């Protein structure tokens, strides 16, 4: 693929790691953020020490606080901002863009209040004459491993297969490989909802439970994620792929996952407000738990793990009591999909 110019909105850990992938592929990358000190550090020291203490970025990777500068002449725009500000940033992009671009996002969450997927938000806020069909970049990926060029396989999903293939070609190289998918609902719901299960998996670890419990929560967590996603219109096969079970494994078993670490701290008895203050990064699983709980009630979907984690975060229930309550619920058939 010939050299492309890409604006990456959000210089967090994942945005920074993806900027390096694109730079390695010979593309021109500009990171946009709103913290002047961070942007100055990237431009002058070529580091982003808030997220990566020992990594030096290529000096070709530029950063700016000026959105107009970031979007000037770009071929593609990649959103990697927290879910709660995606709509706000999309509005700003719509007001600033002067030509049509490929629009991608690599964030994982559902919007509080509206329950909307991130691609839906981008579709609503950025006019069709300024964008492609949205492409979702998602899958089992820790920024801490991608930044050191560890092998990573993820998914590019879009209703427009040509747009997905463009993004596949944009990112793929010897250590970073993308597969295409047209099931946007499945890929986005899998990426968002696995964060909830990761909180639960971390909580089990924090309480001292072992591999049996870990396997159980991942397997049963995937079942309830799939139930909700299919009710929303997803293809069930997506949940057995990279963006489904793949992402759930990597997020539900690793200290690199902030959702897992948050759950681990909850399991050890720490208070949520202290955990959030100490993390220094957004814990998407916390807000997504509330959205998923509300969606499950609205769509009448059986999600006992999500309900248990919701009761801990939003109702103050004891973590051990809530998690173990899932062991004493109604005895069911493993492949049962709907509530009676």
Protein backbone atom coordinates (compact mmCIF):
# COMPACT_ATOMS: atom_id res chain seq x y z
CA UNK A 1 0.00 0.00 0.00
CA UNK A 2 1.29 3.47 -0.86
CA UNK A 3 2.00 5.90 1.96
CA UNK A 4 -1.12 7.16 3.75
CA UNK A 5 -1.60 10.04 6.18
CA UNK A 6 -3.48 9.02 9.33
CA UNK A 7 -4.74 11.04 12.28
CA UNK A 8 -4.92 9.06 15.52
CA UNK A 9 -7.23 10.69 18.03
CA UNK A 10 -6.15 9.73 21.53
CA UNK A 11 -2.46 9.33 22.53
CA UNK A 12 -3.15 6.75 25.23
CA UNK A 13 -1.46 3.35 25.39
CA UNK A 14 -3.37 1.77 22.49
CA UNK A 15 -3.34 4.89 20.31
CA UNK A 16 0.42 5.17 20.79
CA UNK A 17 1.00 1.48 20.02
CA UNK A 18 -1.10 1.68 16.86
CA UNK A 19 0.75 4.81 15.77
CA UNK A 20 3.96 2.79 15.89
CA UNK A 21 2.43 -0.04 13.82
CA UNK A 22 1.35 2.43 11.14
CA UNK A 23 4.70 4.23 11.23
CA UNK A 24 6.50 0.88 10.83
CA UNK A 25 4.40 0.37 7.68
CA UNK A 26 5.68 3.62 6.20
CA UNK A 27 2.60 5.76 6.80
CA UNK A 28 2.59 9.36 8.04
CA UNK A 29 1.10 9.47 11.53
CA UNK A 30 -0.14 12.36 13.64
CA UNK A 31 -1.37 11.80 17.20
CA UNK A 32 -3.95 14.26 18.55
CA UNK A 33 -4.53 14.85 22.24
CA UNK A 34 -5.55 17.62 24.66
CA UNK A 35 -2.76 17.43 27.25
CA UNK A 36 -0.02 19.85 26.08
CA UNK A 37 2.71 18.30 28.26
CA UNK A 38 2.09 14.85 26.79
CA UNK A 39 2.08 16.16 23.22
CA UNK A 40 5.31 18.09 23.84
CA UNK A 41 6.94 14.96 25.29
CA UNK A 42 6.02 12.89 22.23
CA UNK A 43 7.36 15.56 19.86
CA UNK A 44 10.58 16.44 21.68
CA UNK A 45 11.58 13.37 23.69
CA UNK A 46 9.77 10.81 21.52
CA UNK A 47 8.40 9.07 24.60
CA UNK A 48 5.00 8.66 26.24
CA UNK A 49 6.11 7.73 29.76
CA UNK A 50 2.65 7.87 31.28
CA UNK A 51 2.01 4.58 29.49
CA UNK A 52 5.41 3.22 28.39
CA UNK A 53 8.39 3.96 30.62
CA UNK A 54 11.11 2.40 28.47
CA UNK A 55 9.86 2.89 24.91
CA UNK A 56 11.36 5.44 22.50
CA UNK A 57 9.12 6.25 19.54
CA UNK A 58 10.35 6.94 16.03
CA UNK A 59 10.83 10.66 15.59
CA UNK A 60 8.64 10.51 12.47
CA UNK A 61 5.59 10.10 14.76
CA UNK A 62 4.24 13.60 15.36
CA UNK A 63 1.68 14.87 17.87
CA UNK A 64 -0.50 17.96 18.18
CA UNK A 65 -3.22 19.55 20.30
CA UNK A 66 -4.62 21.23 17.18
CA UNK A 67 -7.38 19.07 15.66
CA UNK A 68 -7.37 21.03 12.40
CA UNK A 69 -3.65 20.35 12.01
CA UNK A 70 -4.15 16.64 12.78
CA UNK A 71 -6.91 16.27 10.19
CA UNK A 72 -5.31 18.34 7.45
CA UNK A 73 -5.02 16.25 4.29
CA UNK A 74 -5.51 12.89 6.01
CA UNK A 75 -6.61 9.72 4.26
CA UNK A 76 -7.95 8.10 7.43
CA UNK A 77 -8.94 8.98 11.00
CA UNK A 78 -8.63 6.52 13.88
CA UNK A 79 -10.60 7.18 17.09
CA UNK A 80 -8.92 5.73 20.19
CA UNK A 81 -10.56 7.90 22.85
CA UNK A 82 -12.55 6.74 25.90
CA UNK A 83 -16.16 5.76 25.23
CA UNK A 84 -17.57 8.61 27.30
CA UNK A 85 -15.97 11.29 25.07
CA UNK A 86 -16.35 9.57 21.68
CA UNK A 87 -19.47 11.55 20.77
CA UNK A 88 -17.90 14.87 21.78
CA UNK A 89 -14.74 14.22 19.75
CA UNK A 90 -16.82 13.01 16.78
CA UNK A 91 -18.75 16.30 16.80
CA UNK A 92 -15.46 18.22 16.76
CA UNK A 93 -14.16 16.11 13.88
CA UNK A 94 -17.35 16.71 11.88
CA UNK A 95 -16.94 20.45 12.34
CA UNK A 96 -13.26 20.35 11.33
CA UNK A 97 -13.01 17.87 8.45
CA UNK A 98 -12.97 19.38 4.97
CA UNK A 99 -12.92 16.19 2.87
CA UNK A 100 -14.06 12.55 2.93
CA UNK A 101 -11.90 10.08 4.87
CA UNK A 102 -11.85 6.48 6.08
CA UNK A 103 -13.11 6.52 9.69
CA UNK A 104 -11.95 3.81 12.09
CA UNK A 105 -12.20 3.27 15.82
CA UNK A 106 -10.21 1.04 18.17
CA UNK A 107 -12.04 1.73 21.44
CA UNK A 108 -14.14 -0.83 23.34
CA UNK A 109 -17.31 0.19 25.12
CA UNK A 110 -20.99 1.09 24.96
CA UNK A 111 -22.24 4.62 25.54
CA UNK A 112 -23.85 5.16 28.96
CA UNK A 113 -27.45 6.32 28.74
CA UNK A 114 -28.03 5.60 25.06
CA UNK A 115 -26.53 2.05 25.15
CA UNK A 116 -25.19 2.73 21.65
CA UNK A 117 -22.20 1.07 20.03
CA UNK A 118 -19.32 3.37 19.09
CA UNK A 119 -19.76 2.92 15.33
CA UNK A 120 -23.36 4.08 15.70
CA UNK A 121 -22.19 7.21 17.51
CA UNK A 122 -19.69 7.96 14.74
CA UNK A 123 -22.36 7.38 12.08
CA UNK A 124 -24.70 9.78 13.85
CA UNK A 125 -22.18 12.55 14.41
CA UNK A 126 -20.06 12.51 11.22
CA UNK A 127 -22.02 13.17 8.01
CA UNK A 128 -21.89 10.52 5.27
CA UNK A 129 -20.25 12.94 2.83
CA UNK A 130 -17.22 13.13 5.17
CA UNK A 131 -16.69 9.46 5.97
CA UNK A 132 -16.65 5.87 4.85
CA UNK A 133 -18.64 3.13 6.54
CA UNK A 134 -17.08 2.88 9.99
CA UNK A 135 -14.32 0.28 10.42
CA UNK A 136 -13.90 -1.30 13.88
CA UNK A 137 -10.38 -2.40 14.85
CA UNK A 138 -10.70 -4.89 17.71
CA UNK A 139 -9.32 -8.12 19.08
CA UNK A 140 -6.93 -9.71 21.60
CA UNK A 141 -4.28 -7.05 22.02
CA UNK A 142 -2.35 -5.54 24.90
CA UNK A 143 -0.70 -2.25 24.00
CA UNK A 144 2.25 -3.23 26.21
CA UNK A 145 2.96 -6.16 23.87
CA UNK A 146 2.17 -4.47 20.55
CA UNK A 147 4.53 -1.59 21.38
CA UNK A 148 7.43 -4.09 21.59
CA UNK A 149 6.28 -5.69 18.32
CA UNK A 150 5.00 -8.92 19.85
CA UNK A 151 2.85 -11.06 17.52
CA UNK A 152 -0.74 -9.74 17.46
CA UNK A 153 -3.79 -10.85 15.43
CA UNK A 154 -6.98 -8.79 15.49
CA UNK A 155 -10.02 -7.92 13.36
CA UNK A 156 -11.11 -5.10 11.05
CA UNK A 157 -14.91 -5.10 10.85
CA UNK A 158 -17.13 -2.98 8.63
CA UNK A 159 -20.41 -3.20 6.77
CA UNK A 160 -18.32 -2.19 3.73
CA UNK A 161 -15.87 -5.00 3.00
CA UNK A 162 -13.73 -2.72 0.83
CA UNK A 163 -13.22 -0.33 3.75
CA UNK A 164 -12.32 -3.27 6.02
CA UNK A 165 -9.78 -4.52 3.46
CA UNK A 166 -8.25 -1.03 3.24
CA UNK A 167 -7.73 -1.02 7.01
CA UNK A 168 -6.41 -4.59 6.88
CA UNK A 169 -3.78 -3.47 4.39
CA UNK A 170 -3.03 -0.31 6.36
CA UNK A 171 -2.03 -2.15 9.54
CA UNK A 172 -0.88 -5.65 8.58
CA UNK A 173 2.83 -6.46 8.73
CA UNK A 174 5.22 -9.17 9.99
CA UNK A 175 4.09 -8.88 13.65
CA UNK A 176 0.61 -7.34 13.36
CA UNK A 177 -2.08 -9.10 11.30
CA UNK A 178 -5.72 -8.19 10.69
CA UNK A 179 -8.60 -10.38 9.54
CA UNK A 180 -11.72 -8.80 8.00
CA UNK A 181 -15.28 -9.29 9.22
CA UNK A 182 -18.62 -7.74 8.25
CA UNK A 183 -20.30 -8.39 11.61
CA UNK A 184 -19.82 -4.97 13.20
CA UNK A 185 -22.39 -5.63 15.94
CA UNK A 186 -20.64 -8.83 16.98
CA UNK A 187 -17.14 -7.39 16.99
CA UNK A 188 -18.15 -4.27 18.93
CA UNK A 189 -20.28 -6.04 21.53
CA UNK A 190 -17.59 -8.68 22.06
CA UNK A 191 -14.95 -5.99 22.58
CA UNK A 192 -17.10 -4.03 25.01
CA UNK A 193 -18.67 -6.82 27.05
CA UNK A 194 -15.50 -8.87 27.62
CA UNK A 195 -14.29 -6.05 29.89
CA UNK A 196 -17.07 -6.94 32.35
CA UNK A 197 -16.04 -10.58 32.47
CA UNK A 198 -12.40 -9.51 32.91
CA UNK A 199 -13.41 -7.59 36.05
CA UNK A 200 -15.05 -10.76 37.35
CA UNK A 201 -12.04 -12.92 36.46
CA UNK A 202 -9.76 -10.50 38.27
CA UNK A 203 -12.05 -10.57 41.30
CA UNK A 204 -11.82 -14.37 41.45
CA UNK A 205 -8.03 -14.12 41.41
CA UNK A 206 -8.07 -11.45 44.10
CA UNK A 207 -10.18 -13.73 46.28
CA UNK A 208 -7.67 -16.54 45.86
CA UNK A 209 -9.50 -18.86 43.46
CA UNK A 210 -7.56 -20.85 40.87
CA UNK A 211 -7.62 -22.04 37.29
CA UNK A 212 -10.90 -23.96 37.56
CA UNK A 213 -12.74 -20.78 38.50
CA UNK A 214 -10.89 -18.80 35.83
CA UNK A 215 -11.92 -21.24 33.10
CA UNK A 216 -15.50 -21.25 34.34
CA UNK A 217 -15.98 -17.48 34.34
CA UNK A 218 -14.41 -17.12 30.88
CA UNK A 219 -16.56 -19.89 29.39
CA UNK A 220 -19.82 -18.84 31.04
CA UNK A 221 -18.97 -15.19 30.46
CA UNK A 222 -18.64 -15.87 26.75
CA UNK A 223 -22.05 -17.56 26.82
CA UNK A 224 -23.79 -14.51 28.26
CA UNK A 225 -21.90 -12.09 26.01
CA UNK A 226 -23.04 -14.16 23.04
CA UNK A 227 -26.65 -14.25 24.27
CA UNK A 228 -26.82 -10.47 24.49
CA UNK A 229 -24.94 -9.86 21.24
CA UNK A 230 -27.12 -12.23 19.23
CA UNK A 231 -30.23 -10.56 20.68
CA UNK A 232 -28.80 -7.26 19.37
CA UNK A 233 -28.32 -8.74 15.87
CA UNK A 234 -24.81 -10.24 15.92
CA UNK A 235 -23.62 -13.41 14.21
CA UNK A 236 -22.91 -16.01 16.96
CA UNK A 237 -19.83 -17.26 15.06
CA UNK A 238 -18.08 -13.94 15.72
CA UNK A 239 -17.86 -14.80 19.41
CA UNK A 240 -15.73 -17.86 18.69
CA UNK A 241 -13.22 -15.70 16.79
CA UNK A 242 -10.42 -13.27 17.60
CA UNK A 243 -12.67 -10.44 18.71
CA UNK A 244 -14.78 -12.79 20.82
CA UNK A 245 -13.12 -15.62 22.74
CA UNK A 246 -9.66 -14.35 21.73
CA UNK A 247 -10.15 -10.94 23.30
CA UNK A 248 -11.90 -12.46 26.32
CA UNK A 249 -8.93 -14.74 27.03
CA UNK A 250 -6.32 -12.00 26.74
CA UNK A 251 -8.31 -9.55 28.86
CA UNK A 252 -9.58 -12.04 31.42
CA UNK A 253 -6.22 -13.63 32.25
CA UNK A 254 -3.57 -10.90 32.21
CA UNK A 255 -2.12 -8.31 34.57
CA UNK A 256 -1.77 -6.04 31.52
CA UNK A 257 -5.57 -5.64 31.55
CA UNK A 258 -6.72 -2.69 33.64
CA UNK A 259 -10.16 -4.34 33.90
CA UNK A 260 -8.59 -7.51 35.30
CA UNK A 261 -6.46 -5.46 37.71
CA UNK A 262 -9.53 -3.53 38.86
CA UNK A 263 -11.36 -6.79 39.54
CA UNK A 264 -8.32 -8.24 41.31
CA UNK A 265 -8.27 -5.23 43.63
CA UNK A 266 -12.02 -5.55 44.27
CA UNK A 267 -11.48 -9.20 45.13
CA UNK A 268 -8.81 -8.21 47.63
CA UNK A 269 -11.26 -5.85 49.31
CA UNK A 270 -10.17 -2.46 47.94
CA UNK A 271 -12.76 0.25 47.40
CA UNK A 272 -13.74 1.09 43.84
CA UNK A 273 -13.03 4.82 44.21
CA UNK A 274 -9.48 4.03 45.36
CA UNK A 275 -8.96 1.58 42.51
CA UNK A 276 -10.07 4.14 39.91
CA UNK A 277 -7.87 6.84 41.46
CA UNK A 278 -4.81 4.58 41.48
CA UNK A 279 -5.28 3.16 37.98
CA UNK A 280 -4.61 6.44 36.15
CA UNK A 281 -6.41 5.10 33.07
CA UNK A 282 -10.06 4.59 32.12
CA UNK A 283 -11.53 1.27 33.31
CA UNK A 284 -14.11 0.73 30.56
CA UNK A 285 -15.55 -2.38 32.23
CA UNK A 286 -16.96 -0.30 35.08
CA UNK A 287 -19.28 1.85 32.95
CA UNK A 288 -19.95 -0.98 30.49
CA UNK A 289 -21.27 -3.14 33.34
CA UNK A 290 -24.08 -0.64 33.93
CA UNK A 291 -24.95 -0.42 30.23
CA UNK A 292 -24.93 -4.21 29.81
CA UNK A 293 -27.04 -4.70 32.93
CA UNK A 294 -29.62 -2.23 31.61
CA UNK A 295 -29.59 -3.83 28.16
CA UNK A 296 -30.06 -7.28 29.66
CA UNK A 297 -33.12 -6.05 31.56
CA UNK A 298 -34.48 -4.28 28.48
CA UNK A 299 -33.96 -7.25 26.12
CA UNK A 300 -34.74 -9.94 28.73
CA UNK A 301 -31.34 -11.65 28.42
CA UNK A 302 -29.98 -13.92 31.17
CA UNK A 303 -26.59 -12.46 32.30
CA UNK A 304 -25.85 -13.66 35.86
CA UNK A 305 -22.13 -12.74 35.89
CA UNK A 306 -22.85 -9.23 34.66
CA UNK A 307 -25.63 -8.92 37.24
CA UNK A 308 -23.27 -10.04 40.02
CA UNK A 309 -20.59 -7.54 39.03
CA UNK A 310 -23.21 -4.80 38.72
CA UNK A 311 -24.38 -5.53 42.28
CA UNK A 312 -20.81 -5.05 43.54
CA UNK A 313 -20.05 -1.84 41.63
CA UNK A 314 -23.40 -0.08 41.77
CA UNK A 315 -25.23 -1.60 44.77
CA UNK A 316 -22.36 -2.04 47.21
CA UNK A 317 -22.73 -5.80 47.55
CA UNK A 318 -19.80 -7.77 48.99
CA UNK A 319 -17.61 -9.01 46.12
CA UNK A 320 -17.24 -12.59 47.37
CA UNK A 321 -20.93 -12.88 48.16
CA UNK A 322 -21.91 -11.55 44.73
CA UNK A 323 -19.54 -13.78 42.77
CA UNK A 324 -20.45 -16.91 44.72
CA UNK A 325 -24.16 -16.17 44.29
CA UNK A 326 -23.76 -17.24 40.65
CA UNK A 327 -22.90 -20.74 41.95
CA UNK A 328 -26.22 -21.11 43.73
CA UNK A 329 -28.51 -19.78 41.00
CA UNK A 330 -30.99 -21.83 39.03
CA UNK A 331 -29.50 -25.07 37.64
CA UNK A 332 -29.65 -24.84 33.86
CA UNK A 333 -28.77 -26.59 30.59
CA UNK A 334 -25.38 -25.41 29.27
CA UNK A 335 -26.69 -24.49 25.81
CA UNK A 336 -29.85 -22.78 27.00
CA UNK A 337 -30.08 -19.35 25.35
CA UNK A 338 -33.18 -17.60 26.58
CA UNK A 339 -34.69 -16.97 29.98
CA UNK A 340 -37.70 -19.15 30.78
